[in-house]
Amino acid sequence: MFRRTFWFTAGAAAGVWATTKVNRKLKQLTPESLAAQAANKAVETGHRLKDFALDVRATMLQREAELGAALGLDAPPPVEQERELPGPRRRAALGGRPADDTTTYSFSYKSDNRNEDH
């Protein structure tokens, strides 16, 4: 008698357990639940991408500082470079005529395309 009661109870417990598992899985597969899971994954991926971008930026700034120190870009400029910049160049210094308001320039177009000759 106790054997039958034991197996009946074990079977009923297994049935309740299986029914509970199936119901949980069905609730997970509803469209609302799937949408919520997808949104959570998207938010998690966004946080990971943001963390990655911040790590890349920090490493980039660190490497730029290392390169600047190695090349001497962080050092103050020498005293002789602290002079004023030279003024603008004049057109005559560049090999052309000085420009005035009455000067007219003409340009001729010469093509380097060899196929136009034929």
PDB file of N, CA and C in Angstrom:
ATOM      1  N   MET A   1       0.802  -1.186   0.000  1.00  0.00           N
ATOM      2  CA  MET A   1       0.000   0.000   0.000  1.00  0.00           C
ATOM      3  C   MET A   1       0.854   1.263   0.000  1.00  0.00           C
ATOM      4  N   PHE A   2       1.947   1.202   0.750  1.00  0.00           N
ATOM      5  CA  PHE A   2       2.831   2.368   0.797  1.00  0.00           C
ATOM      6  C   PHE A   2       3.556   2.568  -0.529  1.00  0.00           C
ATOM      7  N   ARG A   3       3.817   1.485  -1.245  1.00  0.00           N
ATOM      8  CA  ARG A   3       4.465   1.608  -2.545  1.00  0.00           C
ATOM      9  C   ARG A   3       3.576   2.358  -3.519  1.00  0.00           C
ATOM     10  N   ARG A   4       2.325   1.988  -3.560  1.00  0.00           N
ATOM     11  CA  ARG A   4       1.398   2.647  -4.462  1.00  0.00           C
ATOM     12  C   ARG A   4       1.239   4.118  -4.096  1.00  0.00           C
ATOM     13  N   THR A   5       1.162   4.392  -2.832  1.00  0.00           N
ATOM     14  CA  THR A   5       1.038   5.781  -2.395  1.00  0.00           C
ATOM     15  C   THR A   5       2.294   6.566  -2.766  1.00  0.00           C
ATOM     16  N   PHE A   6       3.459   5.961  -2.576  1.00  0.00           N
ATOM     17  CA  PHE A   6       4.724   6.606  -2.916  1.00  0.00           C
ATOM     18  C   PHE A   6       4.764   6.926  -4.410  1.00  0.00           C
ATOM     19  N   TRP A   7       4.486   5.958  -5.270  1.00  0.00           N
ATOM     20  CA  TRP A   7       4.562   6.165  -6.709  1.00  0.00           C
ATOM     21  C   TRP A   7       3.469   7.115  -7.198  1.00  0.00           C
ATOM     22  N   PHE A   8       2.315   7.078  -6.595  1.00  0.00           N
ATOM     23  CA  PHE A   8       1.264   8.032  -6.953  1.00  0.00           C
ATOM     24  C   PHE A   8       1.714   9.451  -6.624  1.00  0.00           C
ATOM     25  N   THR A   9       2.283   9.635  -5.443  1.00  0.00           N
ATOM     26  CA  THR A   9       2.760  10.952  -5.023  1.00  0.00           C
ATOM     27  C   THR A   9       3.921  11.410  -5.917  1.00  0.00           C
ATOM     28  N   ALA A  10       4.842  10.482  -6.219  1.00  0.00           N
ATOM     29  CA  ALA A  10       5.977  10.820  -7.091  1.00  0.00           C
ATOM     30  C   ALA A  10       5.470  11.210  -8.478  1.00  0.00           C
ATOM     31  N   GLY A  11       4.526  10.522  -9.030  1.00  0.00           N
ATOM     32  CA  GLY A  11       3.966  10.832 -10.338  1.00  0.00           C
ATOM     33  C   GLY A  11       3.241  12.168 -10.337  1.00  0.00           C
ATOM     34  N   ALA A  12       2.481  12.430  -9.275  1.00  0.00           N
ATOM     35  CA  ALA A  12       1.763  13.704  -9.175  1.00  0.00           C
ATOM     36  C   ALA A  12       2.757  14.856  -9.070  1.00  0.00           C
ATOM     37  N   ALA A  13       3.824  14.672  -8.284  1.00  0.00           N
ATOM     38  CA  ALA A  13       4.843  15.716  -8.129  1.00  0.00           C
ATOM     39  C   ALA A  13       5.557  15.968  -9.458  1.00  0.00           C
ATOM     40  N   ALA A  14       5.863  14.890 -10.179  1.00  0.00           N
ATOM     41  CA  ALA A  14       6.520  15.037 -11.482  1.00  0.00           C
ATOM     42  C   ALA A  14       5.587  15.753 -12.457  1.00  0.00           C
ATOM     43  N   GLY A  15       4.310  15.472 -12.415  1.00  0.00           N
ATOM     44  CA  GLY A  15       3.349  16.143 -13.287  1.00  0.00           C
ATOM     45  C   GLY A  15       3.241  17.620 -12.973  1.00  0.00           C
ATOM     46  N   VAL A  16       3.209  17.965 -11.687  1.00  0.00           N
ATOM     47  CA  VAL A  16       3.136  19.376 -11.280  1.00  0.00           C
ATOM     48  C   VAL A  16       4.416  20.101 -11.701  1.00  0.00           C
ATOM     49  N   TRP A  17       5.541  19.443 -11.470  1.00  0.00           N
ATOM     50  CA  TRP A  17       6.828  20.051 -11.835  1.00  0.00           C
ATOM     51  C   TRP A  17       6.895  20.289 -13.347  1.00  0.00           C
ATOM     52  N   ALA A  18       6.528  19.298 -14.154  1.00  0.00           N
ATOM     53  CA  ALA A  18       6.574  19.415 -15.607  1.00  0.00           C
ATOM     54  C   ALA A  18       5.600  20.483 -16.094  1.00  0.00           C
ATOM     55  N   THR A  19       4.411  20.539 -15.509  1.00  0.00           N
ATOM     56  CA  THR A  19       3.428  21.546 -15.905  1.00  0.00           C
ATOM     57  C   THR A  19       3.937  22.947 -15.598  1.00  0.00           C
ATOM     58  N   THR A  20       4.554  23.101 -14.434  1.00  0.00           N
ATOM     59  CA  THR A  20       5.110  24.405 -14.046  1.00  0.00           C
ATOM     60  C   THR A  20       6.214  24.827 -15.013  1.00  0.00           C
ATOM     61  N   LYS A  21       7.102  23.902 -15.362  1.00  0.00           N
ATOM     62  CA  LYS A  21       8.193  24.216 -16.289  1.00  0.00           C
ATOM     63  C   LYS A  21       7.657  24.620 -17.662  1.00  0.00           C
ATOM     64  N   VAL A  22       6.673  23.872 -18.152  1.00  0.00           N
ATOM     65  CA  VAL A  22       6.101  24.170 -19.461  1.00  0.00           C
ATOM     66  C   VAL A  22       5.418  25.533 -19.444  1.00  0.00           C
ATOM     67  N   ASN A  23       4.689  25.847 -18.396  1.00  0.00           N
ATOM     68  CA  ASN A  23       4.008  27.148 -18.306  1.00  0.00           C
ATOM     69  C   ASN A  23       5.008  28.300 -18.257  1.00  0.00           C
ATOM     70  N   ARG A  24       6.096  28.112 -17.516  1.00  0.00           N
ATOM     71  CA  ARG A  24       7.135  29.159 -17.466  1.00  0.00           C
ATOM     72  C   ARG A  24       7.739  29.390 -18.842  1.00  0.00           C
ATOM     73  N   LYS A  25       8.016  28.296 -19.548  1.00  0.00           N
ATOM     74  CA  LYS A  25       8.610  28.416 -20.875  1.00  0.00           C
ATOM     75  C   LYS A  25       7.638  29.077 -21.851  1.00  0.00           C
ATOM     76  N   LEU A  26       6.361  28.759 -21.761  1.00  0.00           N
ATOM     77  CA  LEU A  26       5.361  29.394 -22.616  1.00  0.00           C
ATOM     78  C   LEU A  26       5.252  30.889 -22.342  1.00  0.00           C
ATOM     79  N   LYS A  27       5.366  31.273 -21.062  1.00  0.00           N
ATOM     80  CA  LYS A  27       5.328  32.703 -20.730  1.00  0.00           C
ATOM     81  C   LYS A  27       6.554  33.422 -21.283  1.00  0.00           C
ATOM     82  N   GLN A  28       7.684  32.718 -21.326  1.00  0.00           N
ATOM     83  CA  GLN A  28       8.893  33.331 -21.873  1.00  0.00           C
ATOM     84  C   GLN A  28       8.809  33.513 -23.385  1.00  0.00           C
ATOM     85  N   LEU A  29       7.988  32.736 -24.032  1.00  0.00           N
ATOM     86  CA  LEU A  29       7.891  32.786 -25.487  1.00  0.00           C
ATOM     87  C   LEU A  29       6.737  33.644 -25.996  1.00  0.00           C
ATOM     88  N   THR A  30       6.067  34.369 -25.122  1.00  0.00           N
ATOM     89  CA  THR A  30       5.020  35.274 -25.586  1.00  0.00           C
ATOM     90  C   THR A  30       5.671  36.468 -26.275  1.00  0.00           C
ATOM     91  N   PRO A  31       4.975  37.119 -27.200  1.00  0.00           N
ATOM     92  CA  PRO A  31       5.566  38.266 -27.905  1.00  0.00           C
ATOM     93  C   PRO A  31       6.017  39.391 -26.972  1.00  0.00           C
ATOM     94  N   GLU A  32       5.243  39.663 -25.926  1.00  0.00           N
ATOM     95  CA  GLU A  32       5.630  40.727 -24.992  1.00  0.00           C
ATOM     96  C   GLU A  32       6.928  40.378 -24.271  1.00  0.00           C
ATOM     97  N   SER A  33       7.043  39.114 -23.861  1.00  0.00           N
ATOM     98  CA  SER A  33       8.245  38.686 -23.151  1.00  0.00           C
ATOM     99  C   SER A  33       9.455  38.708 -24.084  1.00  0.00           C
ATOM    100  N   LEU A  34       9.265  38.259 -25.331  1.00  0.00           N
ATOM    101  CA  LEU A  34      10.370  38.279 -26.285  1.00  0.00           C
ATOM    102  C   LEU A  34      10.807  39.711 -26.586  1.00  0.00           C
ATOM    103  N   ALA A  35       9.854  40.634 -26.695  1.00  0.00           N
ATOM    104  CA  ALA A  35      10.198  42.036 -26.934  1.00  0.00           C
ATOM    105  C   ALA A  35      10.967  42.616 -25.755  1.00  0.00           C
ATOM    106  N   ALA A  36      10.552  42.289 -24.547  1.00  0.00           N
ATOM    107  CA  ALA A  36      11.250  42.780 -23.358  1.00  0.00           C
ATOM    108  C   ALA A  36      12.669  42.220 -23.295  1.00  0.00           C
ATOM    109  N   GLN A  37      12.827  40.940 -23.632  1.00  0.00           N
ATOM    110  CA  GLN A  37      14.160  40.339 -23.637  1.00  0.00           C
ATOM    111  C   GLN A  37      15.053  41.001 -24.684  1.00  0.00           C
ATOM    112  N   ALA A  38      14.492  41.262 -25.856  1.00  0.00           N
ATOM    113  CA  ALA A  38      15.273  41.915 -26.906  1.00  0.00           C
ATOM    114  C   ALA A  38      15.674  43.331 -26.486  1.00  0.00           C
ATOM    115  N   ALA A  39      14.755  44.052 -25.846  1.00  0.00           N
ATOM    116  CA  ALA A  39      15.075  45.404 -25.387  1.00  0.00           C
ATOM    117  C   ALA A  39      16.172  45.371 -24.327  1.00  0.00           C
ATOM    118  N   ASN A  40      16.086  44.423 -23.419  1.00  0.00           N
ATOM    119  CA  ASN A  40      17.120  44.304 -22.385  1.00  0.00           C
ATOM    120  C   ASN A  40      18.480  43.991 -23.001  1.00  0.00           C
ATOM    121  N   LYS A  41      18.502  43.106 -23.992  1.00  0.00           N
ATOM    122  CA  LYS A  41      19.763  42.777 -24.665  1.00  0.00           C
ATOM    123  C   LYS A  41      20.312  43.994 -25.407  1.00  0.00           C
ATOM    124  N   ALA A  42      19.424  44.770 -26.033  1.00  0.00           N
ATOM    125  CA  ALA A  42      19.870  45.959 -26.753  1.00  0.00           C
ATOM    126  C   ALA A  42      20.469  46.985 -25.795  1.00  0.00           C
ATOM    127  N   VAL A  43      19.829  47.180 -24.661  1.00  0.00           N
ATOM    128  CA  VAL A  43      20.351  48.129 -23.663  1.00  0.00           C
ATOM    129  C   VAL A  43      21.703  47.647 -23.141  1.00  0.00           C
ATOM    130  N   GLU A  44      21.803  46.358 -22.874  1.00  0.00           N
ATOM    131  CA  GLU A  44      23.060  45.785 -22.383  1.00  0.00           C
ATOM    132  C   GLU A  44      24.167  45.958 -23.427  1.00  0.00           C
ATOM    133  N   THR A  45      23.832  45.715 -24.699  1.00  0.00           N
ATOM    134  CA  THR A  45      24.819  45.889 -25.765  1.00  0.00           C
ATOM    135  C   THR A  45      25.231  47.356 -25.895  1.00  0.00           C
ATOM    136  N   GLY A  46      24.275  48.263 -25.737  1.00  0.00           N
ATOM    137  CA  GLY A  46      24.594  49.687 -25.774  1.00  0.00           C
ATOM    138  C   GLY A  46      25.555  50.087 -24.668  1.00  0.00           C
ATOM    139  N   HIS A  47      25.337  49.552 -23.477  1.00  0.00           N
ATOM    140  CA  HIS A  47      26.249  49.849 -22.365  1.00  0.00           C
ATOM    141  C   HIS A  47      27.642  49.296 -22.647  1.00  0.00           C
ATOM    142  N   ARG A  48      27.690  48.099 -23.213  1.00  0.00           N
ATOM    143  CA  ARG A  48      28.998  47.513 -23.533  1.00  0.00           C
ATOM    144  C   ARG A  48      29.716  48.336 -24.595  1.00  0.00           C
ATOM    145  N   LEU A  49      28.994  48.784 -25.619  1.00  0.00           N
ATOM    146  CA  LEU A  49      29.613  49.610 -26.655  1.00  0.00           C
ATOM    147  C   LEU A  49      30.097  50.950 -26.096  1.00  0.00           C
ATOM    148  N   LYS A  50      29.314  51.530 -25.191  1.00  0.00           N
ATOM    149  CA  LYS A  50      29.720  52.793 -24.577  1.00  0.00           C
ATOM    150  C   LYS A  50      30.990  52.593 -23.752  1.00  0.00           C
ATOM    151  N   ASP A  51      31.042  51.518 -22.973  1.00  0.00           N
ATOM    152  CA  ASP A  51      32.236  51.232 -22.186  1.00  0.00           C
ATOM    153  C   ASP A  51      33.444  51.009 -23.089  1.00  0.00           C
ATOM    154  N   PHE A  52      33.225  50.291 -24.204  1.00  0.00           N
ATOM    155  CA  PHE A  52      34.308  50.055 -25.151  1.00  0.00           C
ATOM    156  C   PHE A  52      34.814  51.374 -25.737  1.00  0.00           C
ATOM    157  N   ALA A  53      33.894  52.244 -26.132  1.00  0.00           N
ATOM    158  CA  ALA A  53      34.286  53.533 -26.705  1.00  0.00           C
ATOM    159  C   ALA A  53      35.057  54.378 -25.690  1.00  0.00           C
ATOM    160  N   LEU A  54      34.619  54.355 -24.435  1.00  0.00           N
ATOM    161  CA  LEU A  54      35.333  55.109 -23.398  1.00  0.00           C
ATOM    162  C   LEU A  54      36.730  54.535 -23.166  1.00  0.00           C
ATOM    163  N   ASP A  55      36.854  53.208 -23.207  1.00  0.00           N
ATOM    164  CA  ASP A  55      38.179  52.591 -23.062  1.00  0.00           C
ATOM    165  C   ASP A  55      39.086  52.959 -24.223  1.00  0.00           C
ATOM    166  N   VAL A  56      38.537  52.933 -25.433  1.00  0.00           N
ATOM    167  CA  VAL A  56      39.333  53.298 -26.610  1.00  0.00           C
ATOM    168  C   VAL A  56      39.788  54.746 -26.507  1.00  0.00           C
ATOM    169  N   ARG A  57      38.888  55.631 -26.089  1.00  0.00           N
ATOM    170  CA  ARG A  57      39.237  57.053 -25.974  1.00  0.00           C
ATOM    171  C   ARG A  57      40.324  57.267 -24.922  1.00  0.00           C
ATOM    172  N   ALA A  58      40.196  56.600 -23.769  1.00  0.00           N
ATOM    173  CA  ALA A  58      41.199  56.757 -22.714  1.00  0.00           C
ATOM    174  C   ALA A  58      42.556  56.241 -23.184  1.00  0.00           C
ATOM    175  N   THR A  59      42.554  55.101 -23.855  1.00  0.00           N
ATOM    176  CA  THR A  59      43.807  54.537 -24.352  1.00  0.00           C
ATOM    177  C   THR A  59      44.396  55.427 -25.440  1.00  0.00           C
ATOM    178  N   MET A  60      43.546  55.998 -26.281  1.00  0.00           N
ATOM    179  CA  MET A  60      44.020  56.889 -27.332  1.00  0.00           C
ATOM    180  C   MET A  60      44.689  58.127 -26.728  1.00  0.00           C
ATOM    181  N   LEU A  61      44.046  58.728 -25.728  1.00  0.00           N
ATOM    182  CA  LEU A  61      44.627  59.914 -25.091  1.00  0.00           C
ATOM    183  C   LEU A  61      45.945  59.579 -24.399  1.00  0.00           C
ATOM    184  N   GLN A  62      45.998  58.400 -23.774  1.00  0.00           N
ATOM    185  CA  GLN A  62      47.231  57.983 -23.113  1.00  0.00           C
ATOM    186  C   GLN A  62      48.346  57.806 -24.143  1.00  0.00           C
ATOM    187  N   ARG A  63      48.034  57.169 -25.259  1.00  0.00           N
ATOM    188  CA  ARG A  63      49.044  56.933 -26.294  1.00  0.00           C
ATOM    189  C   ARG A  63      49.486  58.248 -26.939  1.00  0.00           C
ATOM    190  N   GLU A  64      48.561  59.175 -27.154  1.00  0.00           N
ATOM    191  CA  GLU A  64      48.931  60.474 -27.697  1.00  0.00           C
ATOM    192  C   GLU A  64      49.867  61.213 -26.754  1.00  0.00           C
ATOM    193  N   ALA A  65      49.611  61.101 -25.452  1.00  0.00           N
ATOM    194  CA  ALA A  65      50.497  61.739 -24.478  1.00  0.00           C
ATOM    195  C   ALA A  65      51.882  61.099 -24.514  1.00  0.00           C
ATOM    196  N   GLU A  66      51.929  59.762 -24.649  1.00  0.00           N
ATOM    197  CA  GLU A  66      53.217  59.079 -24.733  1.00  0.00           C
ATOM    198  C   GLU A  66      53.990  59.507 -25.977  1.00  0.00           C
ATOM    199  N   LEU A  67      53.285  59.573 -27.114  1.00  0.00           N
ATOM    200  CA  LEU A  67      53.952  59.987 -28.348  1.00  0.00           C
ATOM    201  C   LEU A  67      54.390  61.449 -28.273  1.00  0.00           C
ATOM    202  N   GLY A  68      53.560  62.291 -27.686  1.00  0.00           N
ATOM    203  CA  GLY A  68      53.935  63.694 -27.528  1.00  0.00           C
ATOM    204  C   GLY A  68      55.176  63.855 -26.666  1.00  0.00           C
ATOM    205  N   ALA A  69      55.254  63.073 -25.600  1.00  0.00           N
ATOM    206  CA  ALA A  69      56.435  63.136 -24.738  1.00  0.00           C
ATOM    207  C   ALA A  69      57.659  62.599 -25.463  1.00  0.00           C
ATOM    208  N   ALA A  70      57.483  61.526 -26.231  1.00  0.00           N
ATOM    209  CA  ALA A  70      58.616  60.934 -26.944  1.00  0.00           C
ATOM    210  C   ALA A  70      59.130  61.857 -28.052  1.00  0.00           C
ATOM    211  N   LEU A  71      58.247  62.586 -28.694  1.00  0.00           N
ATOM    212  CA  LEU A  71      58.648  63.480 -29.780  1.00  0.00           C
ATOM    213  C   LEU A  71      58.973  64.884 -29.296  1.00  0.00           C
ATOM    214  N   GLY A  72      58.764  65.148 -28.029  1.00  0.00           N
ATOM    215  CA  GLY A  72      59.066  66.468 -27.485  1.00  0.00           C
ATOM    216  C   GLY A  72      58.021  67.506 -27.815  1.00  0.00           C
ATOM    217  N   LEU A  73      56.822  67.087 -28.114  1.00  0.00           N
ATOM    218  CA  LEU A  73      55.773  68.036 -28.445  1.00  0.00           C
ATOM    219  C   LEU A  73      55.191  68.715 -27.215  1.00  0.00           C
ATOM    220  N   ASP A  74      55.406  68.128 -26.052  1.00  0.00           N
ATOM    221  CA  ASP A  74      54.885  68.709 -24.821  1.00  0.00           C
ATOM    222  C   ASP A  74      55.805  69.779 -24.255  1.00  0.00           C
ATOM    223  N   ALA A  75      57.032  69.827 -24.748  1.00  0.00           N
ATOM    224  CA  ALA A  75      57.997  70.802 -24.229  1.00  0.00           C
ATOM    225  C   ALA A  75      57.645  72.196 -24.736  1.00  0.00           C
ATOM    226  N   PRO A  76      57.968  73.233 -23.954  1.00  0.00           N
ATOM    227  CA  PRO A  76      57.706  74.600 -24.425  1.00  0.00           C
ATOM    228  C   PRO A  76      58.618  74.915 -25.608  1.00  0.00           C
ATOM    229  N   PRO A  77      58.179  75.768 -26.530  1.00  0.00           N
ATOM    230  CA  PRO A  77      59.004  76.081 -27.703  1.00  0.00           C
ATOM    231  C   PRO A  77      60.259  76.833 -27.284  1.00  0.00           C
ATOM    232  N   PRO A  78      61.335  76.661 -28.035  1.00  0.00           N
ATOM    233  CA  PRO A  78      62.557  77.407 -27.715  1.00  0.00           C
ATOM    234  C   PRO A  78      62.322  78.907 -27.826  1.00  0.00           C
ATOM    235  N   VAL A  79      63.199  79.692 -27.210  1.00  0.00           N
ATOM    236  CA  VAL A  79      63.043  81.143 -27.145  1.00  0.00           C
ATOM    237  C   VAL A  79      63.089  81.754 -28.533  1.00  0.00           C
ATOM    238  N   GLU A  80      63.919  81.221 -29.437  1.00  0.00           N
ATOM    239  CA  GLU A  80      64.050  81.814 -30.753  1.00  0.00           C
ATOM    240  C   GLU A  80      62.788  81.645 -31.606  1.00  0.00           C
ATOM    241  N   GLN A  81      61.910  80.721 -31.264  1.00  0.00           N
ATOM    242  CA  GLN A  81      60.680  80.530 -32.026  1.00  0.00           C
ATOM    243  C   GLN A  81      59.540  81.392 -31.503  1.00  0.00           C
ATOM    244  N   GLU A  82      59.765  82.161 -30.464  1.00  0.00           N
ATOM    245  CA  GLU A  82      58.711  82.976 -29.886  1.00  0.00           C
ATOM    246  C   GLU A  82      58.604  84.354 -30.549  1.00  0.00           C
ATOM    247  N   ARG A  83      59.341  84.575 -31.634  1.00  0.00           N
ATOM    248  CA  ARG A  83      59.251  85.837 -32.359  1.00  0.00           C
ATOM    249  C   ARG A  83      57.917  85.916 -33.086  1.00  0.00           C
ATOM    250  N   GLU A  84      57.629  87.122 -33.597  1.00  0.00           N
ATOM    251  CA  GLU A  84      56.402  87.309 -34.366  1.00  0.00           C
ATOM    252  C   GLU A  84      56.498  86.591 -35.696  1.00  0.00           C
ATOM    253  N   LEU A  85      55.359  86.207 -36.201  1.00  0.00           N
ATOM    254  CA  LEU A  85      55.320  85.590 -37.518  1.00  0.00           C
ATOM    255  C   LEU A  85      55.555  86.661 -38.569  1.00  0.00           C
ATOM    256  N   PRO A  86      56.145  86.293 -39.699  1.00  0.00           N
ATOM    257  CA  PRO A  86      56.361  87.292 -40.752  1.00  0.00           C
ATOM    258  C   PRO A  86      55.027  87.734 -41.330  1.00  0.00           C
ATOM    259  N   GLY A  87      55.038  88.914 -41.916  1.00  0.00           N
ATOM    260  CA  GLY A  87      53.820  89.452 -42.511  1.00  0.00           C
ATOM    261  C   GLY A  87      53.432  88.686 -43.764  1.00  0.00           C
ATOM    262  N   PRO A  88      52.300  89.045 -44.370  1.00  0.00           N
ATOM    263  CA  PRO A  88      51.870  88.340 -45.578  1.00  0.00           C
ATOM    264  C   PRO A  88      52.826  88.625 -46.735  1.00  0.00           C
ATOM    265  N   ARG A  89      52.977  87.654 -47.627  1.00  0.00           N
ATOM    266  CA  ARG A  89      53.860  87.819 -48.772  1.00  0.00           C
ATOM    267  C   ARG A  89      53.207  88.710 -49.814  1.00  0.00           C
ATOM    268  N   ARG A  90      54.046  89.407 -50.506  1.00  0.00           N
ATOM    269  CA  ARG A  90      53.547  90.235 -51.600  1.00  0.00           C
ATOM    270  C   ARG A  90      53.536  89.406 -52.874  1.00  0.00           C
ATOM    271  N   ARG A  91      52.692  89.779 -53.774  1.00  0.00           N
ATOM    272  CA  ARG A  91      52.571  89.034 -55.014  1.00  0.00           C
ATOM    273  C   ARG A  91      53.870  89.110 -55.821  1.00  0.00           C
ATOM    274  N   ALA A  92      54.577  90.223 -55.793  1.00  0.00           N
ATOM    275  CA  ALA A  92      55.817  90.367 -56.540  1.00  0.00           C
ATOM    276  C   ALA A  92      56.876  89.404 -56.015  1.00  0.00           C
ATOM    277  N   ALA A  93      56.844  89.120 -54.727  1.00  0.00           N
ATOM    278  CA  ALA A  93      57.829  88.219 -54.158  1.00  0.00           C
ATOM    279  C   ALA A  93      57.603  86.792 -54.627  1.00  0.00           C
ATOM    280  N   LEU A  94      56.399  86.491 -55.061  1.00  0.00           N
ATOM    281  CA  LEU A  94      56.083  85.152 -55.532  1.00  0.00           C
ATOM    282  C   LEU A  94      56.330  85.002 -57.030  1.00  0.00           C
ATOM    283  N   GLY A  95      56.812  86.056 -57.693  1.00  0.00           N
ATOM    284  CA  GLY A  95      57.149  85.959 -59.108  1.00  0.00           C
ATOM    285  C   GLY A  95      56.075  86.488 -60.029  1.00  0.00           C
ATOM    286  N   GLY A  96      55.042  87.082 -59.529  1.00  0.00           N
ATOM    287  CA  GLY A  96      53.972  87.611 -60.372  1.00  0.00           C
ATOM    288  C   GLY A  96      54.007  89.126 -60.392  1.00  0.00           C
ATOM    289  N   ARG A  97      53.108  89.717 -61.156  1.00  0.00           N
ATOM    290  CA  ARG A  97      53.005  91.167 -61.193  1.00  0.00           C
ATOM    291  C   ARG A  97      52.236  91.651 -59.980  1.00  0.00           C
ATOM    292  N   PRO A  98      52.498  92.857 -59.511  1.00  0.00           N
ATOM    293  CA  PRO A  98      51.677  93.374 -58.416  1.00  0.00           C
ATOM    294  C   PRO A  98      50.266  93.603 -58.920  1.00  0.00           C
ATOM    295  N   ALA A  99      49.329  93.182 -58.156  1.00  0.00           N
ATOM    296  CA  ALA A  99      47.929  93.267 -58.574  1.00  0.00           C
ATOM    297  C   ALA A  99      47.376  94.645 -58.266  1.00  0.00           C
ATOM    298  N   ASP A 100      46.665  95.214 -59.242  1.00  0.00           N
ATOM    299  CA  ASP A 100      45.915  96.426 -58.992  1.00  0.00           C
ATOM    300  C   ASP A 100      44.510  96.201 -59.547  1.00  0.00           C
ATOM    301  N   ASP A 101      43.632  97.119 -59.349  1.00  0.00           N
ATOM    302  CA  ASP A 101      42.239  96.921 -59.709  1.00  0.00           C
ATOM    303  C   ASP A 101      42.009  96.890 -61.216  1.00  0.00           C
ATOM    304  N   THR A 102      42.937  97.441 -62.003  1.00  0.00           N
ATOM    305  CA  THR A 102      42.706  97.527 -63.442  1.00  0.00           C
ATOM    306  C   THR A 102      43.339  96.365 -64.199  1.00  0.00           C
ATOM    307  N   THR A 103      44.047  95.516 -63.526  1.00  0.00           N
ATOM    308  CA  THR A 103      44.734  94.413 -64.187  1.00  0.00           C
ATOM    309  C   THR A 103      43.721  93.342 -64.579  1.00  0.00           C
ATOM    310  N   THR A 104      43.828  92.867 -65.815  1.00  0.00           N
ATOM    311  CA  THR A 104      42.979  91.794 -66.300  1.00  0.00           C
ATOM    312  C   THR A 104      43.861  90.591 -66.579  1.00  0.00           C
ATOM    313  N   TYR A 105      43.452  89.480 -66.067  1.00  0.00           N
ATOM    314  CA  TYR A 105      44.213  88.261 -66.265  1.00  0.00           C
ATOM    315  C   TYR A 105      43.494  87.400 -67.287  1.00  0.00           C
ATOM    316  N   SER A 106      44.264  86.756 -68.158  1.00  0.00           N
ATOM    317  CA  SER A 106      43.669  85.820 -69.107  1.00  0.00           C
ATOM    318  C   SER A 106      44.307  84.453 -68.871  1.00  0.00           C
ATOM    319  N   PHE A 107      43.488  83.458 -68.943  1.00  0.00           N
ATOM    320  CA  PHE A 107      43.952  82.097 -68.725  1.00  0.00           C
ATOM    321  C   PHE A 107      43.701  81.294 -69.984  1.00  0.00           C
ATOM    322  N   SER A 108      44.647  80.495 -70.375  1.00  0.00           N
ATOM    323  CA  SER A 108      44.448  79.606 -71.518  1.00  0.00           C
ATOM    324  C   SER A 108      44.366  78.184 -70.978  1.00  0.00           C
ATOM    325  N   TYR A 109      43.492  77.415 -71.582  1.00  0.00           N
ATOM    326  CA  TYR A 109      43.283  76.040 -71.150  1.00  0.00           C
ATOM    327  C   TYR A 109      44.013  75.124 -72.096  1.00  0.00           C
ATOM    328  N   LYS A 110      44.910  74.326 -71.552  1.00  0.00           N
ATOM    329  CA  LYS A 110      45.612  73.340 -72.356  1.00  0.00           C
ATOM    330  C   LYS A 110      45.351  71.995 -71.717  1.00  0.00           C
ATOM    331  N   SER A 111      44.753  71.144 -72.460  1.00  0.00           N
ATOM    332  CA  SER A 111      44.416  69.831 -71.947  1.00  0.00           C
ATOM    333  C   SER A 111      45.605  68.902 -72.046  1.00  0.00           C
ATOM    334  N   ASP A 112      45.769  68.060 -71.052  1.00  0.00           N
ATOM    335  CA  ASP A 112      46.812  67.044 -71.087  1.00  0.00           C
ATOM    336  C   ASP A 112      46.269  65.725 -71.625  1.00  0.00           C
ATOM    337  N   ASN A 113      45.050  65.753 -72.078  1.00  0.00           N
ATOM    338  CA  ASN A 113      44.432  64.543 -72.589  1.00  0.00           C
ATOM    339  C   ASN A 113      44.906  64.301 -74.014  1.00  0.00           C
ATOM    340  N   ARG A 114      45.612  63.218 -74.276  1.00  0.00           N
ATOM    341  CA  ARG A 114      46.170  62.932 -75.601  1.00  0.00           C
ATOM    342  C   ARG A 114      45.108  62.489 -76.584  1.00  0.00           C
ATOM    343  N   ASN A 115      43.966  62.075 -76.103  1.00  0.00           N
ATOM    344  CA  ASN A 115      42.926  61.594 -76.996  1.00  0.00           C
ATOM    345  C   ASN A 115      42.218  62.723 -77.713  1.00  0.00           C
ATOM    346  N   GLU A 116      42.345  63.961 -77.250  1.00  0.00           N
ATOM    347  CA  GLU A 116      41.685  65.077 -77.904  1.00  0.00           C
ATOM    348  C   GLU A 116      42.358  65.458 -79.212  1.00  0.00           C
ATOM    349  N   ASP A 117      43.601  65.099 -79.391  1.00  0.00           N
ATOM    350  CA  ASP A 117      44.328  65.453 -80.600  1.00  0.00           C
ATOM    351  C   ASP A 117      43.888  64.625 -81.796  1.00  0.00           C
ATOM    352  N   HIS A 118      43.302  63.508 -81.604  1.00  0.00           N
ATOM    353  CA  HIS A 118      42.997  62.585 -82.707  1.00  0.00           C
ATOM    354  C   HIS A 118      41.625  62.729 -83.209  1.00  0.00           C
TER     355      HIS A 118
END
